[in-house]
Amino acid sequence: MIDAVVTESRRERRRVRGDEAGNAARRKPDYRTLRNPFLPQPVFSEDQVAAIHDTALRVLEELGIKVLLAEARELYRRAGAVVDEETQMVRIGRDIVAAALASAPKSIRAYGGDRSRDLVLEAGTLCFLAGSGAPNVTDLDRGRRPGNLADFENLVRIVQSFDALHMMGPFIEAQEVENRFRHYAVNRAQLTLSDKLPFVFARGTPQVEGCLEMLRLARGLSDDDFLSNVYCYTVINTNSPRMLDIPMAQGIIDFARAGQMSVITPFCLAGAMAPITVAGALTLQHAEALAGLALAQISRAGAPVVYGSFSSNVDMKSGAPAFGTPEHVKATLGSGQLARFIGLPWRSGGGSAANVSDAQAAHETQFSLWGTVLAGATMCIHAAGWLEGGLSVSFEKLVTDIEALQTIAELCAAVPGDADAIGFDAIAEVQPGGHFFAARHTMARYRTAFYEPLVADLSNFGSWTEAGSRTATERANTVWKRTLAEFEPPASTAGRAEVLDAFIAKRTGQGGAEPVS
């Protein structure tokens, strides 16, 4: 009966002439600028949030944090912190933290290579990033393998092609490229294949300065313009518990002084590098994040910083990190409360501990995504493609996760509720027992009314079987290959390669820049 109705509707559509059907516009959703429509959900009471914040300040005052970089210790000392050079411990007073929170911007505008890619990071905005930092890459054709530059470039192309992913990232390590040259290759790929906000590694001042110079050259920016606006970002990870290593401390300083954005993110796994309770893990996370935020503001008042959260739990049988768990979601909700308590934009983390792109991978990622949305996160890293707790990025999972991100983006759009949308006339037009397939209300909207799946198959079992019984992962394999085949670099990147290649050749001839450790 349903098939007969659909067939009749198709015939009716072919009969319809005029503007309503013939000139109906194709659906063009805007996924580039998202505002979260959901009220943030709490997991702690207001008193408990205040207690976590107060205890974090006590941790910094009484216990302190070990800071391995001498320059950072000296900056803390000048700001009034108590520094023990022998143990490298820094005890940071509440007044220092309060001053840092007062000067840190509550809203950050980040500039893409095209103005349509600009982002605003503040309470209520939402952006997603693909899985990043993985040593390996995987797909159905070639299996799991060490990361390489060609795959990194292809991941840049795919991420550029989908608006529900808003920034570039260090998706995989290009392991065949020497460390002293790798940052040039990664930066070149981002600046010649994408107009989205690029990522820059914080692996020592020489590498940072080289990458920032590449960005200035590619975008045609003066030094003053560059210092006045945000054109890139980095992620700073503390070494939980309570340690800030040399490259991360140097990265905070370098990015603050350059006016570029640092996402300061402790990686507190409950039961391993943090107390086993969610509240305890968040207390440590909060203390470490505040220490990093303070260093950024001491280095340059007003430096753009994002409060970072990536707390979850471990499997207590194996010690392996877990994601998309109830504890991960609770920690994300609690992090949102702490970020709102201090009034800063903040990042969460998605991801999955699954080893392949399967049902476990899908539900872990989607639970972590819902945690992000319901916690009111400003940005979510590892929202697509991440497997094995960050040990690999999957081309197929990247595509199936983009489907989930586009669904969330659809939920961010306003839902019409005017008289025309309510549709009394449409209801009156269709007689009892009839159907709405050919109603004027439907015909005027059928091209744009519903989300069109990227990879999901909505056909019935018979049609799906006749088409080859392909799984979502197999269909995703086709999607990413088609995306690469159809890819064209954005117009704003034209001419960048020549300028960047000349710079890279010069720096390569000088020996490149070794990472700092």
Protein backbone atom coordinates (compact mmCIF):
# COMPACT_ATOMS: atom_id res chain seq x y z
CA MET A 1 0.00 0.00 0.00
CA ILE A 2 2.81 2.41 0.95
CA ASP A 3 4.71 1.65 -2.27
CA ALA A 4 1.55 2.36 -4.28
CA VAL A 5 1.12 5.71 -2.54
CA VAL A 6 4.74 6.65 -3.23
CA THR A 7 4.36 5.69 -6.89
CA GLU A 8 1.20 7.78 -7.19
CA SER A 9 2.99 10.71 -5.57
CA ARG A 10 5.86 10.45 -8.04
CA ARG A 11 3.41 10.57 -10.94
CA GLU A 12 1.73 13.59 -9.36
CA ARG A 13 5.07 15.37 -9.04
CA ARG A 14 5.77 14.87 -12.72
CA ARG A 15 2.35 16.33 -13.53
CA VAL A 16 2.85 19.42 -11.42
CA ARG A 17 4.11 22.43 -13.32
CA GLY A 18 4.94 25.95 -12.26
CA ASP A 19 7.08 27.55 -9.62
CA GLU A 20 5.98 25.40 -6.71
CA ALA A 21 7.75 22.28 -8.02
CA GLY A 22 9.83 23.24 -11.01
CA ASN A 23 11.63 26.11 -9.31
CA ALA A 24 11.85 24.69 -5.81
CA ALA A 25 15.33 25.46 -4.45
CA ARG A 26 17.68 22.72 -3.41
CA ARG A 27 18.27 22.49 0.31
CA LYS A 28 21.28 24.56 1.39
CA PRO A 29 21.73 24.21 5.15
CA ASP A 30 24.21 26.49 6.91
CA TYR A 31 26.52 24.40 9.07
CA ARG A 32 29.31 26.97 9.31
CA THR A 33 27.92 29.01 12.19
CA LEU A 34 26.23 27.01 14.93
CA ARG A 35 24.57 28.20 18.11
CA ASN A 36 23.63 25.56 20.64
CA PRO A 37 19.84 25.59 21.20
CA PHE A 38 19.92 23.29 24.25
CA LEU A 39 19.98 24.44 27.85
CA PRO A 40 23.20 23.34 29.59
CA GLN A 41 22.59 20.37 31.84
CA PRO A 42 24.17 20.25 35.32
CA VAL A 43 25.64 17.27 37.10
CA PHE A 44 26.67 19.11 40.28
CA SER A 45 24.86 21.63 42.47
CA GLU A 46 26.03 25.23 42.45
CA ASP A 47 27.59 24.72 45.89
CA GLN A 48 29.50 21.70 44.64
CA VAL A 49 30.83 23.59 41.62
CA ALA A 50 32.03 26.37 43.92
CA ALA A 51 33.66 23.77 46.18
CA ILE A 52 35.49 22.16 43.24
CA HIS A 53 36.76 25.57 42.15
CA ASP A 54 37.85 26.45 45.68
CA THR A 55 39.64 23.12 46.11
CA ALA A 56 41.42 23.58 42.79
CA LEU A 57 42.70 26.95 44.02
CA ARG A 58 43.83 25.25 47.22
CA VAL A 59 45.72 22.66 45.15
CA LEU A 60 47.57 25.45 43.34
CA GLU A 61 48.26 27.40 46.56
CA GLU A 62 49.25 24.56 48.90
CA LEU A 63 50.47 21.75 46.65
CA GLY A 64 51.52 23.62 43.54
CA ILE A 65 52.38 22.43 40.05
CA LYS A 66 55.75 21.27 38.74
CA VAL A 67 56.90 23.52 35.90
CA LEU A 68 59.90 22.24 33.94
CA LEU A 69 60.59 25.39 31.89
CA ALA A 70 62.80 27.92 33.69
CA GLU A 71 61.35 30.88 31.77
CA ALA A 72 57.84 29.92 32.84
CA ARG A 73 58.88 29.59 36.47
CA GLU A 74 60.41 33.07 36.29
CA LEU A 75 57.19 34.51 34.82
CA TYR A 76 55.18 32.94 37.62
CA ARG A 77 57.66 34.30 40.16
CA ARG A 78 57.35 37.84 38.80
CA ALA A 79 53.57 37.57 39.10
CA GLY A 80 53.89 36.71 42.79
CA ALA A 81 53.92 32.90 42.79
CA VAL A 82 56.12 30.99 45.23
CA VAL A 83 58.78 29.12 43.26
CA ASP A 84 61.14 26.41 44.52
CA GLU A 85 63.91 26.11 41.94
CA GLU A 86 65.29 22.91 43.44
CA THR A 87 62.03 20.99 43.06
CA GLN A 88 60.68 23.15 40.18
CA MET A 89 57.41 23.44 42.10
CA VAL A 90 55.32 26.60 41.61
CA ARG A 91 52.62 27.58 44.09
CA ILE A 92 50.13 29.97 42.54
CA GLY A 93 48.03 32.28 44.71
CA ARG A 94 44.33 32.91 44.26
CA ASP A 95 45.00 36.52 43.42
CA ILE A 96 47.10 35.48 40.41
CA VAL A 97 44.32 33.22 39.15
CA ALA A 98 41.68 35.90 39.72
CA ALA A 99 43.72 38.44 37.75
CA ALA A 100 44.18 35.95 34.91
CA LEU A 101 40.45 35.20 34.73
CA ALA A 102 39.70 38.92 34.70
CA SER A 103 41.97 39.57 31.71
CA ALA A 104 41.18 36.46 29.65
CA PRO A 105 38.70 37.29 26.84
CA LYS A 106 35.20 35.90 27.18
CA SER A 107 34.70 35.93 23.41
CA ILE A 108 37.31 35.08 20.78
CA ARG A 109 36.99 35.84 17.08
CA ALA A 110 39.15 33.55 14.98
CA TYR A 111 39.83 34.39 11.33
CA GLY A 112 39.78 31.81 8.56
CA GLY A 113 41.41 32.12 5.15
CA ASP A 114 38.03 33.31 3.89
CA ARG A 115 35.75 35.55 5.95
CA SER A 116 32.94 33.02 5.63
CA ARG A 117 35.11 30.65 7.70
CA ASP A 118 35.54 33.06 10.63
CA LEU A 119 34.50 31.65 14.00
CA VAL A 120 33.37 33.23 17.24
CA LEU A 121 34.13 31.19 20.34
CA GLU A 122 31.96 32.27 23.23
CA ALA A 123 29.14 30.99 25.42
CA GLY A 124 26.45 29.53 23.16
CA THR A 125 28.50 28.91 20.01
CA LEU A 126 29.44 25.41 18.93
CA CYS A 127 32.09 24.03 16.60
CA PHE A 128 33.47 20.57 15.87
CA LEU A 129 36.90 19.22 14.94
CA ALA A 130 37.93 15.85 13.56
CA GLY A 131 39.99 13.33 15.50
CA SER A 132 43.55 14.54 15.96
CA GLY A 133 46.96 13.55 17.21
CA ALA A 134 46.83 9.92 16.11
CA PRO A 135 50.01 8.04 15.13
CA ASN A 136 48.06 5.74 12.80
CA VAL A 137 45.46 5.91 10.05
CA THR A 138 43.09 3.24 8.76
CA ASP A 139 40.61 2.50 5.98
CA LEU A 140 38.90 -0.55 4.50
CA ASP A 141 41.24 -0.79 1.52
CA ARG A 142 44.68 -0.50 3.10
CA GLY A 143 44.01 -1.34 6.73
CA ARG A 144 45.77 0.18 9.74
CA ARG A 145 49.15 1.77 9.04
CA PRO A 146 51.49 4.47 10.39
CA GLY A 147 50.40 8.00 9.60
CA ASN A 148 51.94 9.61 6.52
CA LEU A 149 51.81 12.94 4.74
CA ALA A 150 49.66 11.77 1.82
CA ASP A 151 46.95 10.53 4.18
CA PHE A 152 47.20 13.71 6.25
CA GLU A 153 46.66 15.77 3.10
CA ASN A 154 43.66 13.64 2.16
CA LEU A 155 42.16 14.12 5.62
CA VAL A 156 42.60 17.88 5.17
CA ARG A 157 40.73 17.64 1.86
CA ILE A 158 37.84 15.70 3.41
CA VAL A 159 37.54 17.97 6.45
CA GLN A 160 37.62 21.02 4.16
CA SER A 161 34.72 19.53 2.19
CA PHE A 162 32.25 19.35 5.08
CA ASP A 163 31.05 22.49 6.85
CA ALA A 164 30.05 20.64 10.03
CA LEU A 165 33.79 20.42 10.81
CA HIS A 166 34.95 23.94 11.55
CA MET A 167 38.72 23.88 12.06
CA MET A 168 41.73 21.98 10.84
CA GLY A 169 43.68 19.78 13.23
CA PRO A 170 46.78 17.59 13.58
CA PHE A 171 44.77 14.59 12.44
CA ILE A 172 47.63 12.09 12.10
CA GLU A 173 51.41 12.23 12.37
CA ALA A 174 53.22 12.29 9.02
CA GLN A 175 55.79 9.88 10.35
CA GLU A 176 57.89 9.54 7.20
CA VAL A 177 58.76 13.24 7.36
CA GLU A 178 61.62 14.09 9.73
CA ASN A 179 60.55 15.89 12.90
CA ARG A 180 62.62 18.95 12.04
CA PHE A 181 60.70 19.37 8.75
CA ARG A 182 57.29 17.85 9.60
CA HIS A 183 55.71 21.09 10.80
CA TYR A 184 56.44 22.74 7.45
CA ALA A 185 54.71 19.95 5.52
CA VAL A 186 51.68 19.87 7.81
CA ASN A 187 51.29 23.64 7.76
CA ARG A 188 51.68 23.76 3.97
CA ALA A 189 48.89 21.21 3.54
CA GLN A 190 46.50 23.23 5.70
CA LEU A 191 47.29 26.55 4.02
CA THR A 192 47.12 25.31 0.41
CA LEU A 193 44.16 22.90 0.70
CA SER A 194 41.88 24.64 3.21
CA ASP A 195 40.52 28.02 4.23
CA LYS A 196 39.52 26.86 7.71
CA LEU A 197 41.31 27.91 10.92
CA PRO A 198 44.65 26.03 10.95
CA PHE A 199 46.36 24.21 13.80
CA VAL A 200 49.99 24.86 14.77
CA PHE A 201 52.02 22.46 16.90
CA ALA A 202 53.56 23.79 20.13
CA ARG A 203 56.84 21.91 19.91
CA GLY A 204 59.28 24.65 20.77
CA THR A 205 59.76 28.29 19.80
CA PRO A 206 61.70 27.65 16.54
CA GLN A 207 58.93 25.46 15.12
CA VAL A 208 56.17 27.81 16.31
CA GLU A 209 57.87 30.87 14.82
CA GLY A 210 58.38 29.09 11.49
CA CYS A 211 54.72 28.08 11.28
CA LEU A 212 53.47 31.52 12.24
CA GLU A 213 55.68 33.07 9.56
CA MET A 214 54.20 30.65 6.99
CA LEU A 215 50.73 31.75 8.04
CA ARG A 216 51.61 35.44 7.73
CA LEU A 217 53.07 34.84 4.25
CA ALA A 218 50.12 32.76 3.06
CA ARG A 219 47.52 35.25 4.29
CA GLY A 220 49.46 38.40 3.39
CA LEU A 221 49.37 39.70 6.97
CA SER A 222 51.50 42.42 8.50
CA ASP A 223 53.05 41.82 11.90
CA ASP A 224 50.58 44.24 13.51
CA ASP A 225 47.57 42.57 11.90
CA PHE A 226 48.79 39.18 13.02
CA LEU A 227 49.34 40.27 16.62
CA SER A 228 45.91 41.91 16.76
CA ASN A 229 43.79 38.94 15.65
CA VAL A 230 43.55 35.17 15.98
CA TYR A 231 44.57 33.27 12.84
CA CYS A 232 45.49 29.86 14.28
CA TYR A 233 45.34 27.78 17.43
CA THR A 234 47.23 25.14 19.36
CA VAL A 235 46.35 22.60 22.02
CA ILE A 236 48.31 22.56 25.26
CA ASN A 237 48.18 19.35 27.33
CA THR A 238 49.41 19.35 30.89
CA ASN A 239 51.15 16.22 32.17
CA SER A 240 48.66 15.09 34.78
CA PRO A 241 49.00 14.97 37.67
CA ARG A 242 50.31 18.50 38.30
CA MET A 243 53.11 18.96 35.82
CA LEU A 244 53.70 21.35 32.92
CA ASP A 245 56.52 20.22 30.65
CA ILE A 246 58.94 22.31 28.60
CA PRO A 247 57.27 22.36 25.15
CA MET A 248 53.80 22.91 26.59
CA ALA A 249 54.88 25.75 28.88
CA GLN A 250 56.85 27.29 26.02
CA GLY A 251 53.83 26.90 23.76
CA ILE A 252 51.60 28.82 26.16
CA ILE A 253 54.13 31.64 26.27
CA ASP A 254 54.79 31.70 22.52
CA PHE A 255 51.12 31.70 21.53
CA ALA A 256 50.15 34.29 24.13
CA ARG A 257 52.88 36.67 23.00
CA ALA A 258 51.88 36.16 19.36
CA GLY A 259 48.20 36.82 20.16
CA GLN A 260 47.17 33.37 18.96
CA MET A 261 44.75 30.97 20.65
CA SER A 262 45.77 28.27 23.11
CA VAL A 263 43.34 25.52 24.09
CA ILE A 264 44.70 24.55 27.50
CA THR A 265 43.61 20.99 28.15
CA PRO A 266 44.60 18.69 31.01
CA PHE A 267 44.14 15.02 30.14
CA CYS A 268 42.82 13.66 33.42
CA LEU A 269 41.82 10.00 33.27
CA ALA A 270 40.00 9.09 36.48
CA GLY A 271 41.70 6.23 38.27
CA ALA A 272 45.02 6.70 36.46
CA MET A 273 46.34 10.28 36.22
CA ALA A 274 43.56 11.71 38.39
CA PRO A 275 41.41 10.72 41.39
CA ILE A 276 38.96 7.94 40.55
CA THR A 277 35.86 10.04 41.25
CA VAL A 278 34.42 12.41 38.64
CA ALA A 279 34.55 15.31 41.12
CA GLY A 280 38.16 14.52 42.02
CA ALA A 281 39.26 14.26 38.39
CA LEU A 282 37.57 17.58 37.60
CA THR A 283 39.22 19.25 40.58
CA LEU A 284 42.65 18.27 39.28
CA GLN A 285 41.69 19.21 35.72
CA HIS A 286 40.47 22.60 36.89
CA ALA A 287 43.63 23.30 38.87
CA GLU A 288 45.90 22.42 35.94
CA ALA A 289 43.83 24.41 33.46
CA LEU A 290 43.85 27.46 35.73
CA ALA A 291 47.64 27.20 36.06
CA GLY A 292 48.01 27.22 32.27
CA LEU A 293 45.51 30.05 31.84
CA ALA A 294 47.42 32.08 34.42
CA LEU A 295 50.72 31.59 32.57
CA ALA A 296 49.11 32.77 29.32
CA GLN A 297 47.78 35.94 30.93
CA ILE A 298 51.05 36.60 32.75
CA SER A 299 52.82 36.32 29.39
CA ARG A 300 50.39 38.74 27.74
CA ALA A 301 47.27 40.12 29.37
CA GLY A 302 44.25 39.49 27.19
CA ALA A 303 45.81 36.52 25.38
CA PRO A 304 43.08 34.35 23.77
CA VAL A 305 42.74 31.15 25.78
CA VAL A 306 40.16 28.37 25.81
CA TYR A 307 39.49 26.37 28.96
CA GLY A 308 40.04 22.72 28.08
CA SER A 309 38.41 19.53 29.30
CA PHE A 310 39.15 16.00 28.25
CA SER A 311 38.48 14.05 31.41
CA SER A 312 37.22 10.49 31.26
CA ASN A 313 37.92 7.19 32.98
CA VAL A 314 40.08 4.15 32.35
CA ASP A 315 39.25 0.48 32.17
CA MET A 316 40.40 -0.64 35.60
CA LYS A 317 41.17 -4.13 34.24
CA SER A 318 43.58 -3.01 31.53
CA GLY A 319 44.35 0.63 32.29
CA ALA A 320 43.21 1.60 28.77
CA PRO A 321 41.41 4.96 28.36
CA ALA A 322 37.65 4.84 27.83
CA PHE A 323 35.43 7.32 26.00
CA GLY A 324 31.70 7.77 25.56
CA THR A 325 31.20 6.21 28.99
CA PRO A 326 28.77 7.52 31.62
CA GLU A 327 31.77 8.93 33.50
CA HIS A 328 33.02 10.70 30.37
CA VAL A 329 29.62 12.32 29.86
CA LYS A 330 29.36 13.32 33.52
CA ALA A 331 32.85 14.80 33.44
CA THR A 332 31.92 16.79 30.33
CA LEU A 333 28.76 18.12 31.98
CA GLY A 334 30.74 19.07 35.07
CA SER A 335 33.40 20.77 32.96
CA GLY A 336 30.71 22.90 31.38
CA GLN A 337 29.60 24.03 34.82
CA LEU A 338 33.18 24.94 35.77
CA ALA A 339 33.73 26.81 32.49
CA ARG A 340 30.57 28.82 33.03
CA PHE A 341 31.65 29.46 36.64
CA ILE A 342 34.84 31.17 35.40
CA GLY A 343 33.13 32.62 32.32
CA LEU A 344 35.41 31.36 29.53
CA PRO A 345 34.85 29.58 26.20
CA TRP A 346 35.77 25.93 26.56
CA ARG A 347 36.51 22.72 24.67
CA SER A 348 35.36 19.18 25.26
CA GLY A 349 36.55 15.92 23.75
CA GLY A 350 34.74 13.27 21.76
CA GLY A 351 36.18 9.98 20.66
CA SER A 352 35.93 6.24 21.02
CA ALA A 353 37.99 3.41 22.47
CA ALA A 354 36.72 0.96 19.81
CA ASN A 355 39.33 -0.63 17.55
CA VAL A 356 37.29 -0.52 14.32
CA SER A 357 34.41 1.49 12.89
CA ASP A 358 31.56 -0.53 14.36
CA ALA A 359 28.51 -0.16 16.61
CA GLN A 360 30.69 0.37 19.69
CA ALA A 361 32.60 3.13 17.93
CA ALA A 362 29.35 4.81 16.85
CA HIS A 363 27.60 4.77 20.21
CA GLU A 364 30.68 5.85 22.19
CA THR A 365 31.25 8.78 19.85
CA GLN A 366 27.62 9.83 19.86
CA PHE A 367 27.33 9.67 23.66
CA SER A 368 30.41 11.88 23.93
CA LEU A 369 28.90 14.24 21.35
CA TRP A 370 25.65 14.49 23.28
CA GLY A 371 27.68 15.17 26.41
CA THR A 372 29.33 18.03 24.53
CA VAL A 373 26.04 19.49 23.31
CA LEU A 374 24.24 19.19 26.63
CA ALA A 375 27.23 20.62 28.50
CA GLY A 376 27.29 23.72 26.28
CA ALA A 377 30.86 23.25 25.01
CA THR A 378 32.21 25.88 22.64
CA MET A 379 34.34 23.43 20.67
CA CYS A 380 34.64 19.65 20.56
CA ILE A 381 37.86 18.03 19.41
CA HIS A 382 37.95 14.38 18.24
CA ALA A 383 34.31 14.63 17.17
CA ALA A 384 34.79 12.50 14.05
CA GLY A 385 37.02 9.66 12.91
CA TRP A 386 38.82 8.91 16.19
CA LEU A 387 39.42 5.25 17.12
CA GLU A 388 41.43 3.27 19.69
CA GLY A 389 41.38 6.09 22.21
CA GLY A 390 43.33 8.27 19.81
CA LEU A 391 45.74 5.77 18.30
CA SER A 392 44.16 5.92 14.85
CA VAL A 393 41.88 7.97 12.61
CA SER A 394 39.55 6.09 10.27
CA PHE A 395 38.52 7.46 6.88
CA GLU A 396 35.22 5.57 7.05
CA LYS A 397 34.44 6.58 10.62
CA LEU A 398 35.23 10.18 9.73
CA VAL A 399 32.36 10.05 7.22
CA THR A 400 29.85 8.22 9.44
CA ASP A 401 30.61 10.66 12.27
CA ILE A 402 30.14 13.63 9.95
CA GLU A 403 26.61 12.29 9.48
CA ALA A 404 26.09 12.60 13.23
CA LEU A 405 27.60 16.11 13.28
CA GLN A 406 25.33 17.23 10.45
CA THR A 407 22.38 15.88 12.41
CA ILE A 408 23.42 17.96 15.42
CA ALA A 409 23.92 20.96 13.14
CA GLU A 410 20.35 20.48 11.89
CA LEU A 411 19.14 20.58 15.49
CA CYS A 412 20.88 23.95 15.90
CA ALA A 413 18.71 25.47 13.15
CA ALA A 414 15.50 27.25 14.06
CA VAL A 415 12.31 25.25 13.48
CA PRO A 416 9.58 27.27 11.71
CA GLY A 417 6.40 27.55 13.72
CA ASP A 418 4.44 30.24 11.92
CA ALA A 419 0.94 29.74 10.56
CA ASP A 420 2.27 28.56 7.19
CA ALA A 421 4.43 25.91 8.85
CA ILE A 422 1.59 24.81 11.14
CA GLY A 423 -0.29 24.08 7.95
CA PHE A 424 -4.05 24.29 8.61
CA ASP A 425 -4.71 24.66 4.89
CA ALA A 426 -2.68 21.52 4.16
CA ILE A 427 -4.66 19.55 6.71
CA ALA A 428 -7.89 20.87 5.21
CA GLU A 429 -6.78 19.94 1.68
CA VAL A 430 -6.28 16.24 2.41
CA GLN A 431 -9.40 14.19 3.00
CA PRO A 432 -9.62 11.62 5.80
CA GLY A 433 -7.69 8.49 4.85
CA GLY A 434 -5.74 10.34 2.14
CA HIS A 435 -2.06 11.25 1.99
CA PHE A 436 0.06 14.40 1.90
CA PHE A 437 2.56 13.34 -0.76
CA ALA A 438 0.92 15.47 -3.46
CA ALA A 439 -0.52 18.23 -1.26
CA ARG A 440 0.37 21.77 -2.34
CA HIS A 441 2.03 22.31 1.04
CA THR A 442 4.27 19.28 0.40
CA MET A 443 5.00 20.09 -3.25
CA ALA A 444 6.23 23.56 -2.33
CA ARG A 445 8.70 22.12 0.19
CA TYR A 446 9.62 18.55 -0.68
CA ARG A 447 13.06 19.45 -2.02
CA THR A 448 14.08 21.30 1.12
CA ALA A 449 11.95 19.94 3.97
CA PHE A 450 14.14 17.10 5.23
CA TYR A 451 17.79 16.39 5.87
CA GLU A 452 19.30 14.33 3.07
CA PRO A 453 21.57 11.62 4.53
CA LEU A 454 25.23 11.60 3.65
CA VAL A 455 25.82 7.91 4.21
CA ALA A 456 22.72 6.44 5.84
CA ASP A 457 20.61 4.14 3.61
CA LEU A 458 16.86 4.67 4.07
CA SER A 459 15.74 2.10 1.49
CA ASN A 460 13.74 -0.99 2.45
CA PHE A 461 15.37 -4.38 2.98
CA GLY A 462 14.65 -5.61 -0.52
CA SER A 463 16.13 -2.57 -2.22
CA TRP A 464 19.12 -2.58 0.12
CA THR A 465 19.76 -6.26 -0.62
CA GLU A 466 19.49 -5.73 -4.37
CA ALA A 467 22.01 -2.89 -4.12
CA GLY A 468 24.60 -5.19 -2.53
CA SER A 469 23.69 -5.26 1.19
CA ARG A 470 26.40 -2.71 1.95
CA THR A 471 26.98 -1.60 5.53
CA ALA A 472 27.27 2.03 6.57
CA THR A 473 31.05 1.62 6.83
CA GLU A 474 31.21 0.27 3.28
CA ARG A 475 29.07 3.13 1.99
CA ALA A 476 31.30 5.59 3.84
CA ASN A 477 34.25 4.16 1.93
CA THR A 478 32.56 5.24 -1.29
CA VAL A 479 31.73 8.69 0.12
CA TRP A 480 35.27 9.62 1.16
CA LYS A 481 36.68 8.40 -2.16
CA ARG A 482 34.10 10.44 -4.07
CA THR A 483 34.87 13.46 -1.91
CA LEU A 484 38.56 13.23 -2.75
CA ALA A 485 37.85 12.72 -6.46
CA GLU A 486 35.67 15.85 -6.58
CA PHE A 487 37.87 18.02 -4.32
CA GLU A 488 39.07 21.42 -5.47
CA PRO A 489 41.09 23.72 -3.19
CA PRO A 490 39.22 26.87 -2.16
CA ALA A 491 39.82 29.92 -4.32
CA SER A 492 41.36 31.84 -1.42
CA THR A 493 44.35 29.44 -1.41
CA ALA A 494 45.38 30.23 -5.00
CA GLY A 495 49.04 31.19 -5.28
CA ARG A 496 49.95 30.20 -1.73
CA ALA A 497 51.97 27.12 -2.64
CA GLU A 498 54.68 29.07 -4.47
CA VAL A 499 55.25 31.49 -1.60
CA LEU A 500 55.25 28.72 1.00
CA ASP A 501 57.50 26.43 -1.03
CA ALA A 502 60.13 29.15 -1.29
CA PHE A 503 60.02 29.66 2.47
CA ILE A 504 60.19 25.91 3.15
CA ALA A 505 63.13 25.47 0.77
CA LYS A 506 65.03 28.21 2.56
CA ARG A 507 64.35 26.81 6.03
CA THR A 508 65.08 23.25 4.89
CA GLY A 509 68.43 24.40 3.58
CA GLN A 510 69.12 25.87 7.01
CA GLY A 511 68.43 22.49 8.63
CA GLY A 512 64.81 22.98 9.71
CA ALA A 513 63.84 23.17 13.39
CA GLU A 514 64.06 20.30 15.84
CA PRO A 515 61.15 19.86 18.25
CA VAL A 516 61.82 20.78 21.87
CA SER A 517 61.35 18.23 24.63
